């Protein structure tokens, strides 16, 4: 009975792995959406910046201090500035 359950689980894992194996993005796709090539994106964040999230329950402002987590702040800043 366990083998019967393991086979579908293994098949699902295999399908999930294959689904992630697509073609590399073209230069045209990267030009339209730079997030296709995150290794090319790196913007150093300012020492401090604020990002506003507008929600149905009101706005939320996040104050980011690069000194506290430089790599995380840089990555977050890059994602925010590239939409």
PDB file of N, CA and C in Angstrom:
ATOM      1  N   UNK A   1       0.813  -1.196   0.000  1.00  0.00           N
ATOM      2  CA  UNK A   1       0.000   0.000   0.000  1.00  0.00           C
ATOM      3  C   UNK A   1       0.857   1.262   0.000  1.00  0.00           C
ATOM      4  N   UNK A   2       1.966   1.244   0.689  1.00  0.00           N
ATOM      5  CA  UNK A   2       2.843   2.415   0.698  1.00  0.00           C
ATOM      6  C   UNK A   2       3.422   2.683  -0.684  1.00  0.00           C
ATOM      7  N   UNK A   3       3.785   1.624  -1.397  1.00  0.00           N
ATOM      8  CA  UNK A   3       4.347   1.810  -2.728  1.00  0.00           C
ATOM      9  C   UNK A   3       3.334   2.485  -3.645  1.00  0.00           C
ATOM     10  N   UNK A   4       2.056   2.178  -3.480  1.00  0.00           N
ATOM     11  CA  UNK A   4       1.019   2.804  -4.287  1.00  0.00           C
ATOM     12  C   UNK A   4       0.929   4.302  -4.047  1.00  0.00           C
ATOM     13  N   UNK A   5       1.201   4.722  -2.850  1.00  0.00           N
ATOM     14  CA  UNK A   5       1.168   6.149  -2.539  1.00  0.00           C
ATOM     15  C   UNK A   5       2.460   6.841  -2.956  1.00  0.00           C
ATOM     16  N   UNK A   6       3.572   6.133  -2.893  1.00  0.00           N
ATOM     17  CA  UNK A   6       4.855   6.736  -3.218  1.00  0.00           C
ATOM     18  C   UNK A   6       4.962   7.034  -4.713  1.00  0.00           C
ATOM     19  N   UNK A   7       4.403   6.189  -5.548  1.00  0.00           N
ATOM     20  CA  UNK A   7       4.505   6.395  -6.989  1.00  0.00           C
ATOM     21  C   UNK A   7       3.843   7.697  -7.426  1.00  0.00           C
ATOM     22  N   UNK A   8       2.607   7.988  -7.018  1.00  0.00           N
ATOM     23  CA  UNK A   8       2.029   9.268  -7.424  1.00  0.00           C
ATOM     24  C   UNK A   8       2.820  10.465  -6.885  1.00  0.00           C
ATOM     25  N   UNK A   9       3.325  10.355  -5.668  1.00  0.00           N
ATOM     26  CA  UNK A   9       4.102  11.458  -5.105  1.00  0.00           C
ATOM     27  C   UNK A   9       5.381  11.669  -5.912  1.00  0.00           C
ATOM     28  N   UNK A  10       6.053  10.578  -6.282  1.00  0.00           N
ATOM     29  CA  UNK A  10       7.268  10.680  -7.082  1.00  0.00           C
ATOM     30  C   UNK A  10       6.948  11.246  -8.457  1.00  0.00           C
ATOM     31  N   UNK A  11       5.814  10.858  -9.023  1.00  0.00           N
ATOM     32  CA  UNK A  11       5.424  11.379 -10.332  1.00  0.00           C
ATOM     33  C   UNK A  11       5.168  12.885 -10.251  1.00  0.00           C
ATOM     34  N   UNK A  12       4.539  13.332  -9.187  1.00  0.00           N
ATOM     35  CA  UNK A  12       4.279  14.764  -9.026  1.00  0.00           C
ATOM     36  C   UNK A  12       5.575  15.552  -8.894  1.00  0.00           C
ATOM     37  N   UNK A  13       6.533  15.005  -8.162  1.00  0.00           N
ATOM     38  CA  UNK A  13       7.826  15.673  -8.015  1.00  0.00           C
ATOM     39  C   UNK A  13       8.513  15.763  -9.371  1.00  0.00           C
ATOM     40  N   UNK A  14       8.465  14.677 -10.140  1.00  0.00           N
ATOM     41  CA  UNK A  14       9.069  14.679 -11.464  1.00  0.00           C
ATOM     42  C   UNK A  14       8.441  15.705 -12.384  1.00  0.00           C
ATOM     43  N   UNK A  15       7.131  15.785 -12.361  1.00  0.00           N
ATOM     44  CA  UNK A  15       6.432  16.762 -13.199  1.00  0.00           C
ATOM     45  C   UNK A  15       6.797  18.180 -12.769  1.00  0.00           C
ATOM     46  N   UNK A  16       6.872  18.418 -11.470  1.00  0.00           N
ATOM     47  CA  UNK A  16       7.226  19.747 -10.975  1.00  0.00           C
ATOM     48  C   UNK A  16       8.634  20.134 -11.410  1.00  0.00           C
ATOM     49  N   UNK A  17       9.558  19.183 -11.375  1.00  0.00           N
ATOM     50  CA  UNK A  17      10.925  19.469 -11.801  1.00  0.00           C
ATOM     51  C   UNK A  17      10.987  19.774 -13.291  1.00  0.00           C
ATOM     52  N   UNK A  18      10.271  19.012 -14.084  1.00  0.00           N
ATOM     53  CA  UNK A  18      10.277  19.237 -15.528  1.00  0.00           C
ATOM     54  C   UNK A  18       9.606  20.554 -15.893  1.00  0.00           C
ATOM     55  N   UNK A  19       8.621  20.955 -15.139  1.00  0.00           N
ATOM     56  CA  UNK A  19       7.917  22.206 -15.429  1.00  0.00           C
ATOM     57  C   UNK A  19       8.849  23.404 -15.300  1.00  0.00           C
ATOM     58  N   UNK A  20       9.832  23.303 -14.414  1.00  0.00           N
ATOM     59  CA  UNK A  20      10.773  24.395 -14.226  1.00  0.00           C
ATOM     60  C   UNK A  20      11.887  24.434 -15.256  1.00  0.00           C
ATOM     61  N   UNK A  21      11.965  23.432 -16.115  1.00  0.00           N
ATOM     62  CA  UNK A  21      13.026  23.336 -17.111  1.00  0.00           C
ATOM     63  C   UNK A  21      12.552  23.912 -18.439  1.00  0.00           C
ATOM     64  N   UNK A  22      12.526  25.206 -18.544  1.00  0.00           N
ATOM     65  CA  UNK A  22      12.098  25.837 -19.790  1.00  0.00           C
ATOM     66  C   UNK A  22      13.290  26.387 -20.541  1.00  0.00           C
ATOM     67  N   UNK A  23      13.014  26.989 -21.671  1.00  0.00           N
ATOM     68  CA  UNK A  23      14.068  27.626 -22.444  1.00  0.00           C
ATOM     69  C   UNK A  23      14.541  28.872 -21.720  1.00  0.00           C
ATOM     70  N   UNK A  24      15.783  29.239 -22.000  1.00  0.00           N
ATOM     71  CA  UNK A  24      16.305  30.486 -21.435  1.00  0.00           C
ATOM     72  C   UNK A  24      15.619  31.657 -22.124  1.00  0.00           C
ATOM     73  N   UNK A  25      15.423  32.753 -21.400  1.00  0.00           N
ATOM     74  CA  UNK A  25      14.771  33.908 -22.018  1.00  0.00           C
ATOM     75  C   UNK A  25      15.655  34.527 -23.092  1.00  0.00           C
ATOM     76  N   UNK A  26      15.033  35.084 -24.109  1.00  0.00           N
ATOM     77  CA  UNK A  26      15.764  35.754 -25.177  1.00  0.00           C
ATOM     78  C   UNK A  26      16.166  37.147 -24.719  1.00  0.00           C
ATOM     79  N   UNK A  27      17.083  37.760 -25.456  1.00  0.00           N
ATOM     80  CA  UNK A  27      17.498  39.120 -25.126  1.00  0.00           C
ATOM     81  C   UNK A  27      16.312  40.085 -25.224  1.00  0.00           C
ATOM     82  N   UNK A  28      15.414  39.816 -26.171  1.00  0.00           N
ATOM     83  CA  UNK A  28      14.225  40.657 -26.327  1.00  0.00           C
ATOM     84  C   UNK A  28      13.327  40.562 -25.091  1.00  0.00           C
ATOM     85  N   UNK A  29      13.144  39.335 -24.580  1.00  0.00           N
ATOM     86  CA  UNK A  29      12.334  39.161 -23.377  1.00  0.00           C
ATOM     87  C   UNK A  29      12.987  39.851 -22.180  1.00  0.00           C
ATOM     88  N   UNK A  30      14.302  39.743 -22.087  1.00  0.00           N
ATOM     89  CA  UNK A  30      15.024  40.380 -20.980  1.00  0.00           C
ATOM     90  C   UNK A  30      14.897  41.895 -21.070  1.00  0.00           C
ATOM     91  N   UNK A  31      14.951  42.444 -22.297  1.00  0.00           N
ATOM     92  CA  UNK A  31      14.817  43.896 -22.472  1.00  0.00           C
ATOM     93  C   UNK A  31      13.426  44.363 -22.028  1.00  0.00           C
ATOM     94  N   UNK A  32      12.396  43.539 -22.297  1.00  0.00           N
ATOM     95  CA  UNK A  32      11.038  43.898 -21.904  1.00  0.00           C
ATOM     96  C   UNK A  32      10.804  43.720 -20.410  1.00  0.00           C
ATOM     97  N   UNK A  33      11.436  42.703 -19.830  1.00  0.00           N
ATOM     98  CA  UNK A  33      11.253  42.420 -18.408  1.00  0.00           C
ATOM     99  C   UNK A  33      12.595  41.976 -17.826  1.00  0.00           C
ATOM    100  N   UNK A  34      13.353  42.899 -17.212  1.00  0.00           N
ATOM    101  CA  UNK A  34      14.682  42.573 -16.694  1.00  0.00           C
ATOM    102  C   UNK A  34      14.687  41.487 -15.626  1.00  0.00           C
ATOM    103  N   UNK A  35      13.527  41.204 -15.015  1.00  0.00           N
ATOM    104  CA  UNK A  35      13.500  40.171 -13.976  1.00  0.00           C
ATOM    105  C   UNK A  35      13.709  38.770 -14.553  1.00  0.00           C
ATOM    106  N   UNK A  36      13.681  38.629 -15.900  1.00  0.00           N
ATOM    107  CA  UNK A  36      14.019  37.349 -16.519  1.00  0.00           C
ATOM    108  C   UNK A  36      15.483  36.991 -16.288  1.00  0.00           C
ATOM    109  N   UNK A  37      16.321  37.979 -16.019  1.00  0.00           N
ATOM    110  CA  UNK A  37      17.751  37.742 -15.805  1.00  0.00           C
ATOM    111  C   UNK A  37      18.185  38.438 -14.521  1.00  0.00           C
ATOM    112  N   UNK A  38      17.792  37.889 -13.376  1.00  0.00           N
ATOM    113  CA  UNK A  38      18.094  38.566 -12.109  1.00  0.00           C
ATOM    114  C   UNK A  38      19.587  38.702 -11.836  1.00  0.00           C
ATOM    115  N   UNK A  39      20.410  37.841 -12.445  1.00  0.00           N
ATOM    116  CA  UNK A  39      21.852  37.944 -12.232  1.00  0.00           C
ATOM    117  C   UNK A  39      22.417  39.233 -12.836  1.00  0.00           C
ATOM    118  N   UNK A  40      21.700  39.825 -13.774  1.00  0.00           N
ATOM    119  CA  UNK A  40      22.139  41.083 -14.387  1.00  0.00           C
ATOM    120  C   UNK A  40      21.663  42.298 -13.606  1.00  0.00           C
ATOM    121  N   UNK A  41      20.721  42.084 -12.726  1.00  0.00           N
ATOM    122  CA  UNK A  41      20.154  43.201 -11.963  1.00  0.00           C
ATOM    123  C   UNK A  41      20.868  43.357 -10.638  1.00  0.00           C
ATOM    124  N   UNK A  42      21.444  44.489 -10.434  1.00  0.00           N
ATOM    125  CA  UNK A  42      21.977  44.795  -9.110  1.00  0.00           C
ATOM    126  C   UNK A  42      22.039  46.305  -8.990  1.00  0.00           C
ATOM    127  N   UNK A  43      21.248  46.824  -8.111  1.00  0.00           N
ATOM    128  CA  UNK A  43      21.229  48.252  -7.845  1.00  0.00           C
ATOM    129  C   UNK A  43      21.517  48.437  -6.368  1.00  0.00           C
ATOM    130  N   UNK A  44      22.522  49.224  -6.060  1.00  0.00           N
ATOM    131  CA  UNK A  44      22.812  49.467  -4.651  1.00  0.00           C
ATOM    132  C   UNK A  44      21.777  50.438  -4.103  1.00  0.00           C
ATOM    133  N   UNK A  45      21.174  50.040  -3.021  1.00  0.00           N
ATOM    134  CA  UNK A  45      20.120  50.848  -2.398  1.00  0.00           C
ATOM    135  C   UNK A  45      20.735  52.057  -1.707  1.00  0.00           C
ATOM    136  N   UNK A  46      19.943  53.123  -1.595  1.00  0.00           N
ATOM    137  CA  UNK A  46      20.410  54.260  -0.801  1.00  0.00           C
ATOM    138  C   UNK A  46      20.498  53.874   0.680  1.00  0.00           C
ATOM    139  N   UNK A  47      21.112  54.696   1.474  1.00  0.00           N
ATOM    140  CA  UNK A  47      21.291  54.393   2.899  1.00  0.00           C
ATOM    141  C   UNK A  47      19.953  54.111   3.575  1.00  0.00           C
ATOM    142  N   UNK A  48      18.924  54.869   3.225  1.00  0.00           N
ATOM    143  CA  UNK A  48      17.563  54.646   3.732  1.00  0.00           C
ATOM    144  C   UNK A  48      16.580  54.981   2.626  1.00  0.00           C
ATOM    145  N   UNK A  49      15.489  54.220   2.560  1.00  0.00           N
ATOM    146  CA  UNK A  49      14.414  54.537   1.634  1.00  0.00           C
ATOM    147  C   UNK A  49      13.110  53.989   2.177  1.00  0.00           C
ATOM    148  N   UNK A  50      12.009  54.542   1.688  1.00  0.00           N
ATOM    149  CA  UNK A  50      10.681  54.143   2.129  1.00  0.00           C
ATOM    150  C   UNK A  50       9.893  53.629   0.941  1.00  0.00           C
ATOM    151  N   UNK A  51       9.196  52.529   1.154  1.00  0.00           N
ATOM    152  CA  UNK A  51       8.333  51.947   0.123  1.00  0.00           C
ATOM    153  C   UNK A  51       6.918  51.927   0.676  1.00  0.00           C
ATOM    154  N   UNK A  52       5.963  52.402  -0.124  1.00  0.00           N
ATOM    155  CA  UNK A  52       4.568  52.429   0.300  1.00  0.00           C
ATOM    156  C   UNK A  52       3.797  51.325  -0.418  1.00  0.00           C
ATOM    157  N   UNK A  53       3.103  50.509   0.356  1.00  0.00           N
ATOM    158  CA  UNK A  53       2.182  49.507  -0.167  1.00  0.00           C
ATOM    159  C   UNK A  53       0.774  50.043   0.033  1.00  0.00           C
ATOM    160  N   UNK A  54       0.036  50.162  -1.042  1.00  0.00           N
ATOM    161  CA  UNK A  54      -1.342  50.632  -0.953  1.00  0.00           C
ATOM    162  C   UNK A  54      -2.260  49.422  -0.901  1.00  0.00           C
ATOM    163  N   UNK A  55      -3.004  49.289   0.187  1.00  0.00           N
ATOM    164  CA  UNK A  55      -3.889  48.143   0.372  1.00  0.00           C
ATOM    165  C   UNK A  55      -5.319  48.627   0.548  1.00  0.00           C
ATOM    166  N   UNK A  56      -6.246  47.690   0.517  1.00  0.00           N
ATOM    167  CA  UNK A  56      -7.652  48.034   0.711  1.00  0.00           C
ATOM    168  C   UNK A  56      -7.928  48.477   2.145  1.00  0.00           C
ATOM    169  N   UNK A  57      -7.035  48.167   3.059  1.00  0.00           N
ATOM    170  CA  UNK A  57      -7.212  48.567   4.468  1.00  0.00           C
ATOM    171  C   UNK A  57      -6.343  49.750   4.858  1.00  0.00           C
ATOM    172  N   UNK A  58      -5.764  50.389   3.865  1.00  0.00           N
ATOM    173  CA  UNK A  58      -4.918  51.550   4.137  1.00  0.00           C
ATOM    174  C   UNK A  58      -3.499  51.318   3.654  1.00  0.00           C
ATOM    175  N   UNK A  59      -2.738  52.375   3.638  1.00  0.00           N
ATOM    176  CA  UNK A  59      -1.368  52.312   3.162  1.00  0.00           C
ATOM    177  C   UNK A  59      -0.431  51.822   4.265  1.00  0.00           C
ATOM    178  N   UNK A  60       0.621  51.122   3.832  1.00  0.00           N
ATOM    179  CA  UNK A  60       1.651  50.643   4.750  1.00  0.00           C
ATOM    180  C   UNK A  60       2.985  51.159   4.224  1.00  0.00           C
ATOM    181  N   UNK A  61       3.711  51.888   5.043  1.00  0.00           N
ATOM    182  CA  UNK A  61       5.029  52.392   4.664  1.00  0.00           C
ATOM    183  C   UNK A  61       6.104  51.544   5.337  1.00  0.00           C
ATOM    184  N   UNK A  62       7.058  51.083   4.532  1.00  0.00           N
ATOM    185  CA  UNK A  62       8.210  50.350   5.061  1.00  0.00           C
ATOM    186  C   UNK A  62       9.438  51.236   4.945  1.00  0.00           C
ATOM    187  N   UNK A  63      10.123  51.436   6.037  1.00  0.00           N
ATOM    188  CA  UNK A  63      11.380  52.184   6.017  1.00  0.00           C
ATOM    189  C   UNK A  63      12.500  51.166   6.013  1.00  0.00           C
ATOM    190  N   UNK A  64      13.330  51.220   4.990  1.00  0.00           N
ATOM    191  CA  UNK A  64      14.423  50.272   4.830  1.00  0.00           C
ATOM    192  C   UNK A  64      15.729  50.991   5.141  1.00  0.00           C
ATOM    193  N   UNK A  65      16.530  50.383   6.007  1.00  0.00           N
ATOM    194  CA  UNK A  65      17.845  50.916   6.371  1.00  0.00           C
ATOM    195  C   UNK A  65      18.884  49.930   5.864  1.00  0.00           C
ATOM    196  N   UNK A  66      19.640  50.348   4.862  1.00  0.00           N
ATOM    197  CA  UNK A  66      20.589  49.437   4.209  1.00  0.00           C
ATOM    198  C   UNK A  66      21.632  48.896   5.183  1.00  0.00           C
ATOM    199  N   UNK A  67      22.053  49.673   6.133  1.00  0.00           N
ATOM    200  CA  UNK A  67      23.077  49.255   7.094  1.00  0.00           C
ATOM    201  C   UNK A  67      22.656  47.993   7.859  1.00  0.00           C
ATOM    202  N   UNK A  68      21.380  47.809   8.085  1.00  0.00           N
ATOM    203  CA  UNK A  68      20.891  46.662   8.855  1.00  0.00           C
ATOM    204  C   UNK A  68      20.991  45.351   8.075  1.00  0.00           C
ATOM    205  N   UNK A  69      20.790  45.410   6.772  1.00  0.00           N
ATOM    206  CA  UNK A  69      20.851  44.204   5.922  1.00  0.00           C
ATOM    207  C   UNK A  69      21.172  44.642   4.493  1.00  0.00           C
ATOM    208  N   UNK A  70      22.443  44.882   4.199  1.00  0.00           N
ATOM    209  CA  UNK A  70      22.813  45.462   2.909  1.00  0.00           C
ATOM    210  C   UNK A  70      22.371  44.629   1.696  1.00  0.00           C
ATOM    211  N   UNK A  71      22.572  43.340   1.720  1.00  0.00           N
ATOM    212  CA  UNK A  71      22.194  42.516   0.568  1.00  0.00           C
ATOM    213  C   UNK A  71      20.685  42.462   0.386  1.00  0.00           C
ATOM    214  N   UNK A  72      19.964  42.302   1.475  1.00  0.00           N
ATOM    215  CA  UNK A  72      18.502  42.277   1.405  1.00  0.00           C
ATOM    216  C   UNK A  72      17.937  43.616   0.946  1.00  0.00           C
ATOM    217  N   UNK A  73      18.513  44.701   1.454  1.00  0.00           N
ATOM    218  CA  UNK A  73      18.051  46.034   1.049  1.00  0.00           C
ATOM    219  C   UNK A  73      18.323  46.272  -0.429  1.00  0.00           C
ATOM    220  N   UNK A  74      19.507  45.863  -0.898  1.00  0.00           N
ATOM    221  CA  UNK A  74      19.834  46.019  -2.317  1.00  0.00           C
ATOM    222  C   UNK A  74      18.874  45.229  -3.192  1.00  0.00           C
ATOM    223  N   UNK A  75      18.600  43.990  -2.812  1.00  0.00           N
ATOM    224  CA  UNK A  75      17.711  43.145  -3.618  1.00  0.00           C
ATOM    225  C   UNK A  75      16.286  43.702  -3.611  1.00  0.00           C
ATOM    226  N   UNK A  76      15.807  44.117  -2.462  1.00  0.00           N
ATOM    227  CA  UNK A  76      14.470  44.673  -2.356  1.00  0.00           C
ATOM    228  C   UNK A  76      14.361  45.953  -3.186  1.00  0.00           C
ATOM    229  N   UNK A  77      15.358  46.814  -3.092  1.00  0.00           N
ATOM    230  CA  UNK A  77      15.384  48.061  -3.865  1.00  0.00           C
ATOM    231  C   UNK A  77      15.367  47.759  -5.359  1.00  0.00           C
ATOM    232  N   UNK A  78      16.152  46.782  -5.788  1.00  0.00           N
ATOM    233  CA  UNK A  78      16.185  46.389  -7.195  1.00  0.00           C
ATOM    234  C   UNK A  78      14.815  45.911  -7.658  1.00  0.00           C
ATOM    235  N   UNK A  79      14.173  45.067  -6.868  1.00  0.00           N
ATOM    236  CA  UNK A  79      12.846  44.560  -7.245  1.00  0.00           C
ATOM    237  C   UNK A  79      11.812  45.687  -7.291  1.00  0.00           C
ATOM    238  N   UNK A  80      11.869  46.594  -6.331  1.00  0.00           N
ATOM    239  CA  UNK A  80      10.909  47.694  -6.291  1.00  0.00           C
ATOM    240  C   UNK A  80      11.113  48.617  -7.493  1.00  0.00           C
ATOM    241  N   UNK A  81      12.355  48.921  -7.819  1.00  0.00           N
ATOM    242  CA  UNK A  81      12.618  49.862  -8.916  1.00  0.00           C
ATOM    243  C   UNK A  81      12.347  49.243 -10.287  1.00  0.00           C
ATOM    244  N   UNK A  82      12.320  47.918 -10.380  1.00  0.00           N
ATOM    245  CA  UNK A  82      12.024  47.258 -11.656  1.00  0.00           C
ATOM    246  C   UNK A  82      10.604  46.703 -11.722  1.00  0.00           C
ATOM    247  N   UNK A  83       9.785  47.170 -10.832  1.00  0.00           N
ATOM    248  CA  UNK A  83       8.368  46.806 -10.883  1.00  0.00           C
ATOM    249  C   UNK A  83       8.077  45.442 -10.362  1.00  0.00           C
TER     250      UNK A  83
END
